């Protein structure tokens, strides 16, 4: 897998749980590989992140068309107030996403880069990620293929306390952020904490 879709499904109040069965059925009926489904706990609430992997951009775009032409996209239109589908490619040096029990706390961080910042950011990360993973595992880092130049990263932790500890120690030890890596980023950064839904392969 090289290509990924991160779908963001904003639901009515308390709608994530109601939408989950439809989302699961939609993902299982389509192409690609279901990797993770998460409900937000900190950040924008009533939100579901759905992460799927694809071997080709054509397959990903076929799934995009399936959603756009459907009268019930993701099997839960009655519970949705907004739907965003973003296409990504993994950083060149990363292996395919490994599913399993690495959470249950997952952090989704998105950074807007400078307009020419994608390739330099990947280079800086390639040097720094191995040492950073001594503190906590990286699920995925990827750059957007549509919309503004940006990177999105997903980090799992066993708890919020473990997240704080890993981040603090990696910074204190000089292992993170990548040396000169922030030079290629804008100040537009977001972070959300989400927990796996019952059917999520990443949990």
Protein backbone atom coordinates (compact mmCIF):
# COMPACT_ATOMS: atom_id res chain seq x y z
CA UNK A 1 0.00 0.00 0.00
CA UNK A 2 1.25 3.42 -1.00
CA UNK A 3 -1.92 5.47 -1.25
CA UNK A 4 -4.36 6.29 1.52
CA UNK A 5 -7.72 7.92 1.91
CA UNK A 6 -8.60 9.68 5.13
CA UNK A 7 -12.34 10.31 5.20
CA UNK A 8 -13.68 12.66 7.86
CA UNK A 9 -17.32 12.10 8.69
CA UNK A 10 -18.89 14.77 10.88
CA UNK A 11 -22.08 13.43 12.42
CA UNK A 12 -25.08 14.72 14.29
CA UNK A 13 -24.75 14.89 18.08
CA UNK A 14 -23.90 11.42 19.42
CA UNK A 15 -24.04 10.18 15.83
CA UNK A 16 -20.70 8.37 15.58
CA UNK A 17 -21.93 5.20 17.26
CA UNK A 18 -25.11 5.18 15.19
CA UNK A 19 -23.14 5.65 11.98
CA UNK A 20 -20.56 2.94 12.75
CA UNK A 21 -22.45 -0.11 11.35
CA UNK A 22 -23.07 1.63 8.04
CA UNK A 23 -19.48 2.81 7.80
CA UNK A 24 -18.19 -0.69 8.46
CA UNK A 25 -20.45 -2.22 5.82
CA UNK A 26 -19.47 0.46 3.29
CA UNK A 27 -15.75 -0.11 3.81
CA UNK A 28 -16.04 -3.89 3.68
CA UNK A 29 -18.05 -3.76 0.44
CA UNK A 30 -15.59 -1.51 -1.37
CA UNK A 31 -12.09 -1.73 -2.76
CA UNK A 32 -8.94 -1.05 -0.78
CA UNK A 33 -8.02 -2.15 2.73
CA UNK A 34 -9.77 -0.94 5.84
CA UNK A 35 -7.07 0.11 8.29
CA UNK A 36 -8.74 2.14 10.98
CA UNK A 37 -11.95 3.79 12.12
CA UNK A 38 -11.88 6.24 15.00
CA UNK A 39 -14.24 8.48 16.91
CA UNK A 40 -12.86 11.77 18.18
CA UNK A 41 -12.52 12.28 21.92
CA UNK A 42 -10.56 15.55 22.05
CA UNK A 43 -10.84 18.20 19.34
CA UNK A 44 -13.82 18.41 17.00
CA UNK A 45 -16.44 16.11 18.51
CA UNK A 46 -19.01 13.87 16.81
CA UNK A 47 -16.39 13.09 14.16
CA UNK A 48 -15.26 9.80 12.64
CA UNK A 49 -11.95 9.26 10.86
CA UNK A 50 -11.88 6.38 8.37
CA UNK A 51 -8.45 5.33 7.08
CA UNK A 52 -8.17 3.03 4.08
CA UNK A 53 -5.15 1.93 2.05
CA UNK A 54 -4.87 1.39 -1.70
CA UNK A 55 -2.28 -0.09 -4.04
CA UNK A 56 -3.05 2.36 -6.83
CA UNK A 57 -4.40 5.84 -7.25
CA UNK A 58 -6.91 4.52 -9.78
CA UNK A 59 -8.44 2.23 -7.15
CA UNK A 60 -8.60 5.06 -4.64
CA UNK A 61 -10.31 7.32 -7.18
CA UNK A 62 -12.78 4.55 -7.98
CA UNK A 63 -13.81 4.50 -4.33
CA UNK A 64 -14.06 8.29 -4.35
CA UNK A 65 -16.45 8.08 -7.30
CA UNK A 66 -18.47 5.41 -5.51
CA UNK A 67 -19.01 7.76 -2.58
CA UNK A 68 -19.73 10.86 -4.65
CA UNK A 69 -22.35 9.10 -6.79
CA UNK A 70 -24.02 7.26 -3.92
CA UNK A 71 -27.35 8.28 -2.43
CA UNK A 72 -26.07 6.90 0.89
CA UNK A 73 -22.29 7.53 1.05
CA UNK A 74 -20.50 5.52 3.71
CA UNK A 75 -23.81 3.90 4.57
CA UNK A 76 -24.73 6.59 7.07
CA UNK A 77 -26.00 9.67 5.22
CA UNK A 78 -28.85 10.11 7.70
CA UNK A 79 -26.31 10.71 10.46
CA UNK A 80 -23.92 12.97 8.52
CA UNK A 81 -23.69 16.74 8.50
CA UNK A 82 -20.39 16.94 6.57
CA UNK A 83 -18.17 14.57 4.61
CA UNK A 84 -14.56 15.22 3.58
CA UNK A 85 -12.42 12.74 1.64
CA UNK A 86 -8.70 13.40 1.31
CA UNK A 87 -6.13 11.52 -0.79
CA UNK A 88 -2.63 10.91 0.52
CA UNK A 89 0.61 9.18 -0.32
CA UNK A 90 2.82 7.73 2.38
CA UNK A 91 6.25 9.21 3.00
CA UNK A 92 8.62 7.42 0.66
CA UNK A 93 10.64 5.64 3.33
CA UNK A 94 7.76 4.20 5.35
CA UNK A 95 6.46 0.61 5.16
CA UNK A 96 2.74 -0.12 4.73
CA UNK A 97 0.61 0.49 7.80
CA UNK A 98 0.74 -2.31 10.33
CA UNK A 99 -2.60 -2.97 11.98
CA UNK A 100 -3.04 -4.28 15.51
CA UNK A 101 -3.41 -3.10 19.09
CA UNK A 102 -1.16 -0.07 19.49
CA UNK A 103 -3.56 2.41 21.11
CA UNK A 104 -6.22 2.96 22.19
CA UNK A 105 -5.29 6.65 22.04
CA UNK A 106 -4.60 7.83 18.47
CA UNK A 107 -3.39 11.31 17.67
CA UNK A 108 -4.08 12.78 14.23
CA UNK A 109 -1.81 15.75 13.49
CA UNK A 110 -1.99 17.79 10.29
CA UNK A 111 0.57 20.43 9.36
CA UNK A 112 0.26 22.79 6.42
CA UNK A 113 3.67 23.06 4.78
CA UNK A 114 5.25 25.82 2.80
CA UNK A 115 4.35 25.55 -0.87
CA UNK A 116 7.67 23.79 -1.60
CA UNK A 117 7.89 22.00 1.72
CA UNK A 118 6.80 18.41 1.08
CA UNK A 119 10.06 16.91 -0.20
CA UNK A 120 12.30 18.67 2.36
CA UNK A 121 9.95 17.62 5.16
CA UNK A 122 10.15 13.98 4.07
CA UNK A 123 13.94 14.18 3.99
CA UNK A 124 14.09 15.58 7.52
CA UNK A 125 11.64 12.97 8.80
CA UNK A 126 13.56 10.09 7.22
CA UNK A 127 16.57 11.04 9.30
CA UNK A 128 14.62 11.52 12.54
CA UNK A 129 11.80 8.96 12.64
CA UNK A 130 13.89 5.91 13.68
CA UNK A 131 15.08 7.66 16.83
CA UNK A 132 11.61 9.08 17.52
CA UNK A 133 10.12 5.59 17.38
CA UNK A 134 12.27 4.63 20.35
CA UNK A 135 9.72 6.65 22.35
CA UNK A 136 6.50 5.65 20.58
CA UNK A 137 5.44 4.01 17.34
CA UNK A 138 4.46 5.95 14.22
CA UNK A 139 1.43 4.51 12.44
CA UNK A 140 1.70 6.65 9.31
CA UNK A 141 3.00 9.92 7.94
CA UNK A 142 1.69 11.01 4.55
CA UNK A 143 1.38 14.01 2.29
CA UNK A 144 -1.79 15.27 0.67
CA UNK A 145 -2.39 14.74 -3.03
CA UNK A 146 -5.26 17.21 -3.14
CA UNK A 147 -6.00 20.53 -1.48
CA UNK A 148 -3.30 22.56 0.24
CA UNK A 149 0.24 21.19 0.65
CA UNK A 150 0.12 19.38 3.98
CA UNK A 151 1.26 16.35 5.90
CA UNK A 152 -0.85 14.23 8.21
CA UNK A 153 0.64 11.92 10.82
CA UNK A 154 -0.98 9.32 13.04
CA UNK A 155 0.60 8.32 16.36
CA UNK A 156 -0.80 5.66 18.72
CA UNK A 157 -0.34 5.65 22.49
CA UNK A 158 -1.58 3.43 25.30
CA UNK A 159 -2.81 6.50 27.21
CA UNK A 160 -2.80 10.28 27.21
CA UNK A 161 -0.15 10.18 29.91
CA UNK A 162 2.06 7.98 27.70
CA UNK A 163 1.60 10.47 24.87
CA UNK A 164 2.73 13.37 27.05
CA UNK A 165 5.70 11.39 28.32
CA UNK A 166 6.89 10.25 24.88
CA UNK A 167 6.60 13.71 23.41
CA UNK A 168 8.33 15.40 26.35
CA UNK A 169 11.21 12.92 26.49
CA UNK A 170 11.84 12.93 22.73
CA UNK A 171 12.04 16.73 22.76
CA UNK A 172 14.18 16.87 25.90
CA UNK A 173 16.60 14.32 24.41
CA UNK A 174 16.90 16.30 21.19
CA UNK A 175 15.38 13.53 19.06
CA UNK A 176 12.27 15.43 17.92
CA UNK A 177 11.23 17.46 16.02
CA UNK A 178 13.51 16.67 13.06
CA UNK A 179 16.47 19.01 12.85
CA UNK A 180 15.42 22.03 10.77
CA UNK A 181 12.19 20.21 9.93
CA UNK A 182 9.88 22.97 11.22
CA UNK A 183 11.57 25.40 8.80
CA UNK A 184 9.39 23.92 6.04
CA UNK A 185 6.10 24.16 7.93
CA UNK A 186 3.55 26.91 8.30
CA UNK A 187 1.98 27.82 11.63
CA UNK A 188 -1.30 26.14 10.58
CA UNK A 189 -1.26 22.95 12.67
CA UNK A 190 -4.06 20.86 14.15
CA UNK A 191 -4.18 17.90 16.51
CA UNK A 192 -7.09 15.65 17.44
CA UNK A 193 -7.33 12.65 19.72
CA UNK A 194 -9.51 9.77 18.62
CA UNK A 195 -10.32 6.28 19.87
CA UNK A 196 -10.86 3.15 17.74
CA UNK A 197 -14.39 2.10 16.90
CA UNK A 198 -15.26 -1.53 17.58
CA UNK A 199 -14.55 -2.70 14.02
CA UNK A 200 -11.25 -0.83 13.57
CA UNK A 201 -8.21 -3.00 12.63
CA UNK A 202 -6.04 -0.35 14.29
CA UNK A 203 -7.02 -0.44 17.90
